[in-house]
């Protein structure tokens, strides 16, 4: 029987998307230590009936409360995954050790290296190939029943800290896991942006390598505050994306003759149309402004460097009609395409 009707009122006010399998993994960690999880489950307002129902879900806030309470009671930030405990504050030490890095790439490389000082049960490796970066987990010990929870949370932890370091969302292009798709596989669409694949060789997240070049945006004071509220970094998705404008501009420029709209752009960048519009507005621009910018740059290039008829230039930059292109171009430059080409030719003839 579903426990939705008995779910606490606050739990029904937000989306319950976290699989109960992760709650059950924490309960197993308590069992291994011979401890009773009843108090921490009650703190997170998870009933025993819910905890026993593998088809149920909890909210991000409930998961945050449950994890924080369990880490303190077990004195283990790894929640029983590894052969030795990671006492409270262990991941804070990793964050501090990475804070002085000038870029995210160096900070994440330090995180991977120092994680091996906490445990050698797993090893984190960061690689780049072209414009794609990859953070992978190599397992050196059988993680047993806690394997899924360990691999998912370790990657979410690293991504959350990286997002905080650069004050930006770090969109996942794809996620891979070395086990068959679980019954709650649809929940992975909430845990990771981009598609998730199962049956892979390692637990891995792929993301745009450009984020690795971003400078860190945090100082020691910010670190102190973050460490007091670190769990939301793991449980909740970061909203702002500092590279979104660049990503949209690059996408538009890669196919300037395509009639892009908010739905297609958002789909290719793995965000909702609402998020796309909101984040572009926060960065002081809009999809239409970026489309005009890319079209203008491409049109000027074609008018300068080719003898294509105006109609062909209009088609090449994504306009359905020559007339609408001419009207837009005059709005951008103050001159018609023909006048602009003639002015450019006169200036070119004056060059020594």
C-alpha atoms as a PDB file:
ATOM      1  CA  UNK A   1       0.000   0.000   0.000  1.00  0.00           C
ATOM      2  CA  UNK A   2       1.328   3.484  -0.871  1.00  0.00           C
ATOM      3  CA  UNK A   3       2.105   5.708   2.090  1.00  0.00           C
ATOM      4  CA  UNK A   4       1.418   8.955   0.220  1.00  0.00           C
ATOM      5  CA  UNK A   5      -1.715   9.643   2.264  1.00  0.00           C
ATOM      6  CA  UNK A   6       0.202   9.316   5.535  1.00  0.00           C
ATOM      7  CA  UNK A   7       3.139  11.468   4.352  1.00  0.00           C
ATOM      8  CA  UNK A   8       3.742  14.484   6.646  1.00  0.00           C
ATOM      9  CA  UNK A   9       2.149  17.743   5.396  1.00  0.00           C
ATOM     10  CA  UNK A  10       5.484  19.485   4.692  1.00  0.00           C
ATOM     11  CA  UNK A  11       6.587  16.532   2.558  1.00  0.00           C
ATOM     12  CA  UNK A  12       3.542  16.925   0.313  1.00  0.00           C
ATOM     13  CA  UNK A  13       4.304  20.590  -0.444  1.00  0.00           C
ATOM     14  CA  UNK A  14       7.336  19.852  -2.647  1.00  0.00           C
ATOM     15  CA  UNK A  15       8.153  17.193  -5.186  1.00  0.00           C
ATOM     16  CA  UNK A  16       9.025  13.842  -3.631  1.00  0.00           C
ATOM     17  CA  UNK A  17      11.593  12.514  -6.110  1.00  0.00           C
ATOM     18  CA  UNK A  18      14.369  10.926  -4.003  1.00  0.00           C
ATOM     19  CA  UNK A  19      14.076   7.111  -4.158  1.00  0.00           C
ATOM     20  CA  UNK A  20      13.365   5.247  -0.937  1.00  0.00           C
ATOM     21  CA  UNK A  21      16.303   2.970  -1.867  1.00  0.00           C
ATOM     22  CA  UNK A  22      18.650   5.702  -0.602  1.00  0.00           C
ATOM     23  CA  UNK A  23      16.791   5.882   2.708  1.00  0.00           C
ATOM     24  CA  UNK A  24      17.018   2.104   2.993  1.00  0.00           C
ATOM     25  CA  UNK A  25      20.783   2.301   2.384  1.00  0.00           C
ATOM     26  CA  UNK A  26      21.122   4.636   5.379  1.00  0.00           C
ATOM     27  CA  UNK A  27      18.986   2.284   7.456  1.00  0.00           C
ATOM     28  CA  UNK A  28      21.356  -0.575   6.522  1.00  0.00           C
ATOM     29  CA  UNK A  29      24.331   1.522   7.659  1.00  0.00           C
ATOM     30  CA  UNK A  30      22.677   1.825  11.069  1.00  0.00           C
ATOM     31  CA  UNK A  31      22.083  -1.945  11.157  1.00  0.00           C
ATOM     32  CA  UNK A  32      25.772  -2.642  10.450  1.00  0.00           C
ATOM     33  CA  UNK A  33      26.697  -0.477  13.451  1.00  0.00           C
ATOM     34  CA  UNK A  34      24.042  -2.086  15.629  1.00  0.00           C
ATOM     35  CA  UNK A  35      22.249   1.265  15.988  1.00  0.00           C
ATOM     36  CA  UNK A  36      18.576   2.252  15.753  1.00  0.00           C
ATOM     37  CA  UNK A  37      17.638   4.747  12.975  1.00  0.00           C
ATOM     38  CA  UNK A  38      14.199   5.508  14.445  1.00  0.00           C
ATOM     39  CA  UNK A  39      15.145   8.948  15.771  1.00  0.00           C
ATOM     40  CA  UNK A  40      16.748  10.202  12.571  1.00  0.00           C
ATOM     41  CA  UNK A  41      13.856   8.865  10.459  1.00  0.00           C
ATOM     42  CA  UNK A  42      11.420  10.705  12.732  1.00  0.00           C
ATOM     43  CA  UNK A  43      13.517  13.870  12.431  1.00  0.00           C
ATOM     44  CA  UNK A  44      13.129  13.666   8.647  1.00  0.00           C
ATOM     45  CA  UNK A  45       9.415  12.837   9.067  1.00  0.00           C
ATOM     46  CA  UNK A  46       9.758   9.467   7.374  1.00  0.00           C
ATOM     47  CA  UNK A  47       7.449   6.851   8.838  1.00  0.00           C
ATOM     48  CA  UNK A  48       8.534   3.206   9.276  1.00  0.00           C
ATOM     49  CA  UNK A  49       5.894   2.247   6.693  1.00  0.00           C
ATOM     50  CA  UNK A  50       7.413   4.649   4.158  1.00  0.00           C
ATOM     51  CA  UNK A  51      10.954   3.458   4.836  1.00  0.00           C
ATOM     52  CA  UNK A  52       9.878  -0.123   4.140  1.00  0.00           C
ATOM     53  CA  UNK A  53       8.155   0.728   0.848  1.00  0.00           C
ATOM     54  CA  UNK A  54      10.713   0.633  -2.006  1.00  0.00           C
ATOM     55  CA  UNK A  55       8.276   2.361  -4.376  1.00  0.00           C
ATOM     56  CA  UNK A  56       7.884   5.461  -2.224  1.00  0.00           C
ATOM     57  CA  UNK A  57       9.785   8.755  -2.553  1.00  0.00           C
ATOM     58  CA  UNK A  58      10.858  11.555  -0.224  1.00  0.00           C
ATOM     59  CA  UNK A  59      11.566  15.240  -0.829  1.00  0.00           C
ATOM     60  CA  UNK A  60      15.010  16.811  -1.145  1.00  0.00           C
ATOM     61  CA  UNK A  61      14.469  18.533   2.217  1.00  0.00           C
ATOM     62  CA  UNK A  62      13.711  15.203   3.901  1.00  0.00           C
ATOM     63  CA  UNK A  63      16.857  13.681   2.375  1.00  0.00           C
ATOM     64  CA  UNK A  64      18.878  16.639   3.615  1.00  0.00           C
ATOM     65  CA  UNK A  65      17.574  16.222   7.178  1.00  0.00           C
ATOM     66  CA  UNK A  66      18.038  12.448   7.113  1.00  0.00           C
ATOM     67  CA  UNK A  67      21.610  12.581   5.794  1.00  0.00           C
ATOM     68  CA  UNK A  68      22.710  15.316   8.195  1.00  0.00           C
ATOM     69  CA  UNK A  69      21.291  13.494  11.199  1.00  0.00           C
ATOM     70  CA  UNK A  70      22.728  10.129  10.149  1.00  0.00           C
ATOM     71  CA  UNK A  71      26.209  11.546   9.486  1.00  0.00           C
ATOM     72  CA  UNK A  72      26.312  13.013  12.986  1.00  0.00           C
ATOM     73  CA  UNK A  73      24.856   9.975  14.770  1.00  0.00           C
ATOM     74  CA  UNK A  74      27.115   7.538  12.913  1.00  0.00           C
ATOM     75  CA  UNK A  75      30.007  10.029  12.952  1.00  0.00           C
ATOM     76  CA  UNK A  76      30.549   9.018   9.349  1.00  0.00           C
ATOM     77  CA  UNK A  77      30.146  11.363   6.386  1.00  0.00           C
ATOM     78  CA  UNK A  78      30.362   8.309   4.112  1.00  0.00           C
ATOM     79  CA  UNK A  79      27.283   6.768   5.783  1.00  0.00           C
ATOM     80  CA  UNK A  80      28.823   3.307   6.005  1.00  0.00           C
ATOM     81  CA  UNK A  81      30.119   2.973   2.438  1.00  0.00           C
ATOM     82  CA  UNK A  82      33.798   2.479   3.195  1.00  0.00           C
ATOM     83  CA  UNK A  83      35.939   0.117   5.270  1.00  0.00           C
ATOM     84  CA  UNK A  84      36.613   2.931   7.730  1.00  0.00           C
ATOM     85  CA  UNK A  85      34.498   5.837   8.918  1.00  0.00           C
ATOM     86  CA  UNK A  86      34.975   9.365   7.593  1.00  0.00           C
ATOM     87  CA  UNK A  87      34.414  11.444  10.752  1.00  0.00           C
ATOM     88  CA  UNK A  88      32.323  14.603  10.639  1.00  0.00           C
ATOM     89  CA  UNK A  89      34.324  17.310   8.850  1.00  0.00           C
ATOM     90  CA  UNK A  90      36.267  15.004   6.515  1.00  0.00           C
ATOM     91  CA  UNK A  91      34.795  16.434   3.318  1.00  0.00           C
ATOM     92  CA  UNK A  92      35.213  19.923   4.748  1.00  0.00           C
ATOM     93  CA  UNK A  93      38.961  19.286   4.826  1.00  0.00           C
ATOM     94  CA  UNK A  94      38.866  18.345   1.134  1.00  0.00           C
ATOM     95  CA  UNK A  95      37.005  21.549   0.324  1.00  0.00           C
ATOM     96  CA  UNK A  96      39.505  23.678   2.259  1.00  0.00           C
ATOM     97  CA  UNK A  97      42.430  21.984   0.536  1.00  0.00           C
ATOM     98  CA  UNK A  98      40.957  22.898  -2.850  1.00  0.00           C
ATOM     99  CA  UNK A  99      39.909  26.479  -2.062  1.00  0.00           C
ATOM    100  CA  UNK A 100      43.231  28.133  -2.977  1.00  0.00           C
ATOM    101  CA  UNK A 101      43.266  26.668  -6.502  1.00  0.00           C
ATOM    102  CA  UNK A 102      43.054  29.364  -9.197  1.00  0.00           C
ATOM    103  CA  UNK A 103      40.641  27.395 -11.426  1.00  0.00           C
ATOM    104  CA  UNK A 104      37.985  24.737 -11.034  1.00  0.00           C
ATOM    105  CA  UNK A 105      40.149  22.247 -12.951  1.00  0.00           C
ATOM    106  CA  UNK A 106      42.930  22.459 -10.374  1.00  0.00           C
ATOM    107  CA  UNK A 107      40.466  22.467  -7.482  1.00  0.00           C
ATOM    108  CA  UNK A 108      38.739  19.310  -8.736  1.00  0.00           C
ATOM    109  CA  UNK A 109      42.105  17.627  -9.385  1.00  0.00           C
ATOM    110  CA  UNK A 110      43.044  18.340  -5.761  1.00  0.00           C
ATOM    111  CA  UNK A 111      39.680  17.012  -4.571  1.00  0.00           C
ATOM    112  CA  UNK A 112      40.311  13.737  -6.412  1.00  0.00           C
ATOM    113  CA  UNK A 113      43.873  13.431  -5.097  1.00  0.00           C
ATOM    114  CA  UNK A 114      42.991  14.235  -1.494  1.00  0.00           C
ATOM    115  CA  UNK A 115      39.948  11.949  -1.517  1.00  0.00           C
ATOM    116  CA  UNK A 116      42.410   9.056  -1.741  1.00  0.00           C
ATOM    117  CA  UNK A 117      43.799  10.162   1.639  1.00  0.00           C
ATOM    118  CA  UNK A 118      40.377   9.590   3.198  1.00  0.00           C
ATOM    119  CA  UNK A 119      39.853   6.135   1.697  1.00  0.00           C
ATOM    120  CA  UNK A 120      41.372   3.862  -0.925  1.00  0.00           C
ATOM    121  CA  UNK A 121      38.137   1.900  -1.340  1.00  0.00           C
ATOM    122  CA  UNK A 122      37.359   4.110  -4.320  1.00  0.00           C
ATOM    123  CA  UNK A 123      39.522   6.456  -6.423  1.00  0.00           C
ATOM    124  CA  UNK A 124      38.246   9.545  -8.238  1.00  0.00           C
ATOM    125  CA  UNK A 125      39.812  10.404 -11.599  1.00  0.00           C
ATOM    126  CA  UNK A 126      39.383  13.548 -13.679  1.00  0.00           C
ATOM    127  CA  UNK A 127      40.165  13.388 -17.409  1.00  0.00           C
ATOM    128  CA  UNK A 128      39.565  15.674 -20.355  1.00  0.00           C
ATOM    129  CA  UNK A 129      39.288  14.824 -24.027  1.00  0.00           C
ATOM    130  CA  UNK A 130      38.686  17.689 -26.412  1.00  0.00           C
ATOM    131  CA  UNK A 131      35.886  19.860 -25.079  1.00  0.00           C
ATOM    132  CA  UNK A 132      34.537  17.175 -22.748  1.00  0.00           C
ATOM    133  CA  UNK A 133      35.581  16.466 -19.144  1.00  0.00           C
ATOM    134  CA  UNK A 134      34.961  13.226 -17.299  1.00  0.00           C
ATOM    135  CA  UNK A 135      34.887  12.506 -13.544  1.00  0.00           C
ATOM    136  CA  UNK A 136      34.970   8.760 -12.895  1.00  0.00           C
ATOM    137  CA  UNK A 137      35.000   6.497  -9.833  1.00  0.00           C
ATOM    138  CA  UNK A 138      37.245   3.425  -9.816  1.00  0.00           C
ATOM    139  CA  UNK A 139      36.170   0.869  -7.202  1.00  0.00           C
ATOM    140  CA  UNK A 140      38.869  -0.998  -5.266  1.00  0.00           C
ATOM    141  CA  UNK A 141      36.501  -2.760  -2.853  1.00  0.00           C
ATOM    142  CA  UNK A 142      33.145  -4.484  -3.043  1.00  0.00           C
ATOM    143  CA  UNK A 143      30.714  -1.845  -1.785  1.00  0.00           C
ATOM    144  CA  UNK A 144      27.930  -4.382  -1.370  1.00  0.00           C
ATOM    145  CA  UNK A 145      24.355  -3.213  -0.810  1.00  0.00           C
ATOM    146  CA  UNK A 146      25.515   0.395  -0.408  1.00  0.00           C
ATOM    147  CA  UNK A 147      27.147   0.547  -3.842  1.00  0.00           C
ATOM    148  CA  UNK A 148      24.482   2.523  -5.684  1.00  0.00           C
ATOM    149  CA  UNK A 149      24.029   5.048  -2.874  1.00  0.00           C
ATOM    150  CA  UNK A 150      27.797   5.468  -2.530  1.00  0.00           C
ATOM    151  CA  UNK A 151      28.488   6.040  -6.227  1.00  0.00           C
ATOM    152  CA  UNK A 152      25.551   8.391  -6.778  1.00  0.00           C
ATOM    153  CA  UNK A 153      26.247  10.462  -3.675  1.00  0.00           C
ATOM    154  CA  UNK A 154      30.001  10.668  -4.241  1.00  0.00           C
ATOM    155  CA  UNK A 155      29.444  12.122  -7.714  1.00  0.00           C
ATOM    156  CA  UNK A 156      26.658  14.435  -6.525  1.00  0.00           C
ATOM    157  CA  UNK A 157      28.932  15.577  -3.692  1.00  0.00           C
ATOM    158  CA  UNK A 158      31.783  16.467  -6.071  1.00  0.00           C
ATOM    159  CA  UNK A 159      29.431  18.229  -8.499  1.00  0.00           C
ATOM    160  CA  UNK A 160      27.805  20.183  -5.689  1.00  0.00           C
ATOM    161  CA  UNK A 161      31.115  21.434  -4.329  1.00  0.00           C
ATOM    162  CA  UNK A 162      32.317  22.303  -7.841  1.00  0.00           C
ATOM    163  CA  UNK A 163      29.145  24.312  -8.458  1.00  0.00           C
ATOM    164  CA  UNK A 164      29.684  26.161  -5.194  1.00  0.00           C
ATOM    165  CA  UNK A 165      33.335  26.875  -5.990  1.00  0.00           C
ATOM    166  CA  UNK A 166      32.476  28.642  -9.265  1.00  0.00           C
ATOM    167  CA  UNK A 167      29.044  29.925  -8.186  1.00  0.00           C
ATOM    168  CA  UNK A 168      27.475  28.190 -11.146  1.00  0.00           C
ATOM    169  CA  UNK A 169      25.457  25.176 -12.124  1.00  0.00           C
ATOM    170  CA  UNK A 170      27.640  22.457 -13.670  1.00  0.00           C
ATOM    171  CA  UNK A 171      25.355  20.705 -16.164  1.00  0.00           C
ATOM    172  CA  UNK A 172      25.960  16.990 -16.610  1.00  0.00           C
ATOM    173  CA  UNK A 173      26.020  16.026 -20.284  1.00  0.00           C
ATOM    174  CA  UNK A 174      25.687  12.329 -19.429  1.00  0.00           C
ATOM    175  CA  UNK A 175      25.946  10.047 -16.407  1.00  0.00           C
ATOM    176  CA  UNK A 176      26.965   6.375 -16.421  1.00  0.00           C
ATOM    177  CA  UNK A 177      26.721   3.706 -13.730  1.00  0.00           C
ATOM    178  CA  UNK A 178      28.190   0.184 -13.550  1.00  0.00           C
ATOM    179  CA  UNK A 179      25.009  -1.632 -12.516  1.00  0.00           C
ATOM    180  CA  UNK A 180      21.715  -2.545 -14.177  1.00  0.00           C
ATOM    181  CA  UNK A 181      18.961   0.054 -14.245  1.00  0.00           C
ATOM    182  CA  UNK A 182      17.200  -0.065 -10.846  1.00  0.00           C
ATOM    183  CA  UNK A 183      13.436   0.013 -10.439  1.00  0.00           C
ATOM    184  CA  UNK A 184      13.689   3.700  -9.550  1.00  0.00           C
ATOM    185  CA  UNK A 185      15.782   4.567 -12.648  1.00  0.00           C
ATOM    186  CA  UNK A 186      13.413   7.420 -13.661  1.00  0.00           C
ATOM    187  CA  UNK A 187      14.574   9.299 -10.552  1.00  0.00           C
ATOM    188  CA  UNK A 188      18.015   9.691 -12.127  1.00  0.00           C
ATOM    189  CA  UNK A 189      16.551  12.326 -14.442  1.00  0.00           C
ATOM    190  CA  UNK A 190      16.178  14.491 -11.326  1.00  0.00           C
ATOM    191  CA  UNK A 191      19.574  13.566  -9.874  1.00  0.00           C
ATOM    192  CA  UNK A 192      21.563  14.298 -13.050  1.00  0.00           C
ATOM    193  CA  UNK A 193      20.860  16.548 -16.017  1.00  0.00           C
ATOM    194  CA  UNK A 194      21.470  14.840 -19.343  1.00  0.00           C
ATOM    195  CA  UNK A 195      20.824  11.164 -20.078  1.00  0.00           C
ATOM    196  CA  UNK A 196      21.819   8.391 -17.643  1.00  0.00           C
ATOM    197  CA  UNK A 197      23.181   5.060 -18.894  1.00  0.00           C
ATOM    198  CA  UNK A 198      23.474   1.853 -16.884  1.00  0.00           C
ATOM    199  CA  UNK A 199      25.739  -1.166 -17.291  1.00  0.00           C
ATOM    200  CA  UNK A 200      28.846   0.986 -17.860  1.00  0.00           C
ATOM    201  CA  UNK A 201      32.385   0.123 -16.776  1.00  0.00           C
ATOM    202  CA  UNK A 202      32.583   2.893 -14.129  1.00  0.00           C
ATOM    203  CA  UNK A 203      30.392   5.455 -12.408  1.00  0.00           C
ATOM    204  CA  UNK A 204      31.076   8.586 -14.457  1.00  0.00           C
ATOM    205  CA  UNK A 205      29.712  12.045 -15.140  1.00  0.00           C
ATOM    206  CA  UNK A 206      30.570  13.948 -18.325  1.00  0.00           C
ATOM    207  CA  UNK A 207      30.462  17.745 -18.545  1.00  0.00           C
ATOM    208  CA  UNK A 208      31.701  20.646 -20.655  1.00  0.00           C
ATOM    209  CA  UNK A 209      35.451  21.078 -20.111  1.00  0.00           C
ATOM    210  CA  UNK A 210      35.127  24.862 -20.335  1.00  0.00           C
ATOM    211  CA  UNK A 211      33.903  24.904 -16.744  1.00  0.00           C
ATOM    212  CA  UNK A 212      37.330  23.690 -15.614  1.00  0.00           C
ATOM    213  CA  UNK A 213      38.870  26.997 -16.732  1.00  0.00           C
ATOM    214  CA  UNK A 214      36.521  29.125 -14.605  1.00  0.00           C
ATOM    215  CA  UNK A 215      38.154  30.857 -11.604  1.00  0.00           C
ATOM    216  CA  UNK A 216      36.959  30.025  -8.108  1.00  0.00           C
ATOM    217  CA  UNK A 217      34.502  32.608  -6.793  1.00  0.00           C
ATOM    218  CA  UNK A 218      34.761  31.871  -3.060  1.00  0.00           C
ATOM    219  CA  UNK A 219      36.898  32.962  -0.100  1.00  0.00           C
ATOM    220  CA  UNK A 220      37.530  31.694   3.427  1.00  0.00           C
ATOM    221  CA  UNK A 221      34.517  33.526   4.875  1.00  0.00           C
ATOM    222  CA  UNK A 222      32.263  31.927   2.287  1.00  0.00           C
ATOM    223  CA  UNK A 223      33.843  28.558   3.056  1.00  0.00           C
ATOM    224  CA  UNK A 224      33.011  28.920   6.768  1.00  0.00           C
ATOM    225  CA  UNK A 225      29.373  29.615   5.944  1.00  0.00           C
ATOM    226  CA  UNK A 226      29.176  26.812   3.367  1.00  0.00           C
ATOM    227  CA  UNK A 227      30.530  24.186   5.747  1.00  0.00           C
ATOM    228  CA  UNK A 228      27.681  24.936   8.138  1.00  0.00           C
ATOM    229  CA  UNK A 229      25.167  24.326   5.329  1.00  0.00           C
ATOM    230  CA  UNK A 230      27.005  21.902   3.058  1.00  0.00           C
ATOM    231  CA  UNK A 231      24.366  19.224   2.520  1.00  0.00           C
ATOM    232  CA  UNK A 232      22.107  21.301   0.260  1.00  0.00           C
ATOM    233  CA  UNK A 233      25.003  21.330  -2.227  1.00  0.00           C
ATOM    234  CA  UNK A 234      24.611  17.577  -2.608  1.00  0.00           C
ATOM    235  CA  UNK A 235      20.845  17.313  -2.372  1.00  0.00           C
ATOM    236  CA  UNK A 236      19.692  20.337  -4.393  1.00  0.00           C
ATOM    237  CA  UNK A 237      20.600  21.348  -7.940  1.00  0.00           C
ATOM    238  CA  UNK A 238      22.488  24.635  -8.288  1.00  0.00           C
ATOM    239  CA  UNK A 239      20.426  27.076 -10.364  1.00  0.00           C
ATOM    240  CA  UNK A 240      22.780  29.606 -11.942  1.00  0.00           C
ATOM    241  CA  UNK A 241      24.908  28.593 -14.943  1.00  0.00           C
ATOM    242  CA  UNK A 242      27.770  31.001 -15.635  1.00  0.00           C
ATOM    243  CA  UNK A 243      28.443  29.458 -19.043  1.00  0.00           C
ATOM    244  CA  UNK A 244      24.842  29.331 -20.226  1.00  0.00           C
ATOM    245  CA  UNK A 245      25.150  32.458 -22.379  1.00  0.00           C
ATOM    246  CA  UNK A 246      28.314  31.072 -23.991  1.00  0.00           C
ATOM    247  CA  UNK A 247      26.637  27.702 -24.529  1.00  0.00           C
ATOM    248  CA  UNK A 248      23.581  29.270 -26.179  1.00  0.00           C
ATOM    249  CA  UNK A 249      25.771  31.505 -28.354  1.00  0.00           C
ATOM    250  CA  UNK A 250      27.879  28.502 -29.413  1.00  0.00           C
ATOM    251  CA  UNK A 251      24.790  26.415 -30.197  1.00  0.00           C
ATOM    252  CA  UNK A 252      23.262  29.175 -32.317  1.00  0.00           C
ATOM    253  CA  UNK A 253      26.528  29.820 -34.160  1.00  0.00           C
ATOM    254  CA  UNK A 254      26.979  26.122 -34.962  1.00  0.00           C
ATOM    255  CA  UNK A 255      23.822  26.165 -37.106  1.00  0.00           C
ATOM    256  CA  UNK A 256      23.096  29.797 -38.031  1.00  0.00           C
ATOM    257  CA  UNK A 257      20.653  28.839 -40.778  1.00  0.00           C
ATOM    258  CA  UNK A 258      18.433  26.868 -38.390  1.00  0.00           C
ATOM    259  CA  UNK A 259      15.235  28.411 -37.020  1.00  0.00           C
ATOM    260  CA  UNK A 260      16.122  27.948 -33.341  1.00  0.00           C
ATOM    261  CA  UNK A 261      13.447  28.447 -30.706  1.00  0.00           C
ATOM    262  CA  UNK A 262      13.411  28.245 -26.909  1.00  0.00           C
ATOM    263  CA  UNK A 263      12.161  24.643 -26.899  1.00  0.00           C
ATOM    264  CA  UNK A 264      14.893  23.278 -29.169  1.00  0.00           C
ATOM    265  CA  UNK A 265      17.669  25.291 -27.495  1.00  0.00           C
ATOM    266  CA  UNK A 266      16.552  24.283 -23.989  1.00  0.00           C
ATOM    267  CA  UNK A 267      16.311  20.629 -25.013  1.00  0.00           C
ATOM    268  CA  UNK A 268      19.845  20.568 -26.427  1.00  0.00           C
ATOM    269  CA  UNK A 269      21.242  22.246 -23.293  1.00  0.00           C
ATOM    270  CA  UNK A 270      19.290  19.908 -20.967  1.00  0.00           C
ATOM    271  CA  UNK A 271      17.338  22.657 -19.197  1.00  0.00           C
ATOM    272  CA  UNK A 272      13.672  23.614 -19.169  1.00  0.00           C
ATOM    273  CA  UNK A 273      12.491  26.518 -21.315  1.00  0.00           C
ATOM    274  CA  UNK A 274      11.544  28.363 -18.135  1.00  0.00           C
ATOM    275  CA  UNK A 275      15.040  27.905 -16.724  1.00  0.00           C
ATOM    276  CA  UNK A 276      16.581  29.009 -20.013  1.00  0.00           C
ATOM    277  CA  UNK A 277      14.608  32.258 -20.102  1.00  0.00           C
ATOM    278  CA  UNK A 278      15.146  32.958 -16.391  1.00  0.00           C
ATOM    279  CA  UNK A 279      18.892  32.415 -16.434  1.00  0.00           C
ATOM    280  CA  UNK A 280      19.407  34.441 -19.601  1.00  0.00           C
ATOM    281  CA  UNK A 281      17.417  37.264 -18.017  1.00  0.00           C
ATOM    282  CA  UNK A 282      19.607  37.043 -14.896  1.00  0.00           C
ATOM    283  CA  UNK A 283      22.651  37.445 -17.151  1.00  0.00           C
ATOM    284  CA  UNK A 284      21.116  40.549 -18.738  1.00  0.00           C
ATOM    285  CA  UNK A 285      20.186  39.077 -22.107  1.00  0.00           C
ATOM    286  CA  UNK A 286      17.552  36.995 -23.902  1.00  0.00           C
ATOM    287  CA  UNK A 287      17.377  34.242 -26.480  1.00  0.00           C
ATOM    288  CA  UNK A 288      16.217  36.727 -29.124  1.00  0.00           C
ATOM    289  CA  UNK A 289      19.122  39.075 -28.359  1.00  0.00           C
ATOM    290  CA  UNK A 290      21.614  36.224 -28.694  1.00  0.00           C
ATOM    291  CA  UNK A 291      19.994  35.050 -31.935  1.00  0.00           C
ATOM    292  CA  UNK A 292      20.248  38.580 -33.323  1.00  0.00           C
ATOM    293  CA  UNK A 293      23.883  38.834 -32.199  1.00  0.00           C
ATOM    294  CA  UNK A 294      24.852  35.577 -33.931  1.00  0.00           C
ATOM    295  CA  UNK A 295      22.834  36.373 -37.070  1.00  0.00           C
ATOM    296  CA  UNK A 296      24.321  39.873 -37.288  1.00  0.00           C
ATOM    297  CA  UNK A 297      27.896  38.586 -36.952  1.00  0.00           C
ATOM    298  CA  UNK A 298      27.323  35.892 -39.597  1.00  0.00           C
ATOM    299  CA  UNK A 299      25.570  38.285 -41.986  1.00  0.00           C
ATOM    300  CA  UNK A 300      28.384  40.849 -41.733  1.00  0.00           C
ATOM    301  CA  UNK A 301      30.946  38.121 -42.404  1.00  0.00           C
ATOM    302  CA  UNK A 302      29.097  36.929 -45.522  1.00  0.00           C
ATOM    303  CA  UNK A 303      28.559  40.447 -46.852  1.00  0.00           C
ATOM    304  CA  UNK A 304      32.239  41.236 -46.328  1.00  0.00           C
ATOM    305  CA  UNK A 305      33.791  38.056 -47.643  1.00  0.00           C
ATOM    306  CA  UNK A 306      31.441  36.744 -50.305  1.00  0.00           C
ATOM    307  CA  UNK A 307      29.456  37.914 -53.304  1.00  0.00           C
ATOM    308  CA  UNK A 308      26.379  35.894 -52.426  1.00  0.00           C
ATOM    309  CA  UNK A 309      23.069  37.506 -53.385  1.00  0.00           C
ATOM    310  CA  UNK A 310      21.255  39.136 -50.480  1.00  0.00           C
ATOM    311  CA  UNK A 311      18.561  36.443 -50.621  1.00  0.00           C
ATOM    312  CA  UNK A 312      21.175  33.701 -50.067  1.00  0.00           C
ATOM    313  CA  UNK A 313      22.734  35.645 -47.197  1.00  0.00           C
ATOM    314  CA  UNK A 314      19.291  35.933 -45.600  1.00  0.00           C
ATOM    315  CA  UNK A 315      18.754  32.160 -45.853  1.00  0.00           C
ATOM    316  CA  UNK A 316      22.254  31.433 -44.502  1.00  0.00           C
ATOM    317  CA  UNK A 317      21.552  33.365 -41.315  1.00  0.00           C
ATOM    318  CA  UNK A 318      18.143  31.823 -40.708  1.00  0.00           C
ATOM    319  CA  UNK A 319      15.650  34.280 -42.202  1.00  0.00           C
ATOM    320  CA  UNK A 320      12.633  32.947 -44.087  1.00  0.00           C
ATOM    321  CA  UNK A 321      12.410  35.990 -46.351  1.00  0.00           C
ATOM    322  CA  UNK A 322      14.789  38.517 -47.846  1.00  0.00           C
ATOM    323  CA  UNK A 323      12.542  41.379 -46.795  1.00  0.00           C
ATOM    324  CA  UNK A 324      12.551  40.455 -43.080  1.00  0.00           C
ATOM    325  CA  UNK A 325      16.346  40.058 -43.189  1.00  0.00           C
ATOM    326  CA  UNK A 326      16.809  43.480 -44.781  1.00  0.00           C
ATOM    327  CA  UNK A 327      14.576  45.067 -42.145  1.00  0.00           C
ATOM    328  CA  UNK A 328      16.446  43.356 -39.288  1.00  0.00           C
ATOM    329  CA  UNK A 329      19.885  44.150 -40.717  1.00  0.00           C
ATOM    330  CA  UNK A 330      19.062  47.843 -41.036  1.00  0.00           C
ATOM    331  CA  UNK A 331      17.923  47.813 -37.415  1.00  0.00           C
ATOM    332  CA  UNK A 332      21.248  46.278 -36.362  1.00  0.00           C
ATOM    333  CA  UNK A 333      23.600  48.451 -38.426  1.00  0.00           C
ATOM    334  CA  UNK A 334      21.657  51.491 -39.666  1.00  0.00           C
ATOM    335  CA  UNK A 335      22.299  50.446 -43.282  1.00  0.00           C
ATOM    336  CA  UNK A 336      20.694  48.028 -45.703  1.00  0.00           C
ATOM    337  CA  UNK A 337      22.708  44.896 -46.627  1.00  0.00           C
ATOM    338  CA  UNK A 338      23.476  46.384 -50.064  1.00  0.00           C
ATOM    339  CA  UNK A 339      24.586  49.723 -48.594  1.00  0.00           C
ATOM    340  CA  UNK A 340      26.707  47.929 -46.001  1.00  0.00           C
ATOM    341  CA  UNK A 341      28.423  45.815 -48.676  1.00  0.00           C
ATOM    342  CA  UNK A 342      29.118  48.917 -50.792  1.00  0.00           C
ATOM    343  CA  UNK A 343      30.545  50.803 -47.795  1.00  0.00           C
ATOM    344  CA  UNK A 344      32.763  47.833 -46.930  1.00  0.00           C
ATOM    345  CA  UNK A 345      33.980  47.634 -50.530  1.00  0.00           C
ATOM    346  CA  UNK A 346      34.870  51.362 -50.578  1.00  0.00           C
ATOM    347  CA  UNK A 347      36.788  51.057 -47.300  1.00  0.00           C
ATOM    348  CA  UNK A 348      38.576  47.983 -48.625  1.00  0.00           C
ATOM    349  CA  UNK A 349      39.654  49.835 -51.742  1.00  0.00           C
ATOM    350  CA  UNK A 350      41.204  52.581 -49.620  1.00  0.00           C
ATOM    351  CA  UNK A 351      43.481  50.134 -47.807  1.00  0.00           C
ATOM    352  CA  UNK A 352      47.176  50.394 -48.900  1.00  0.00           C
END
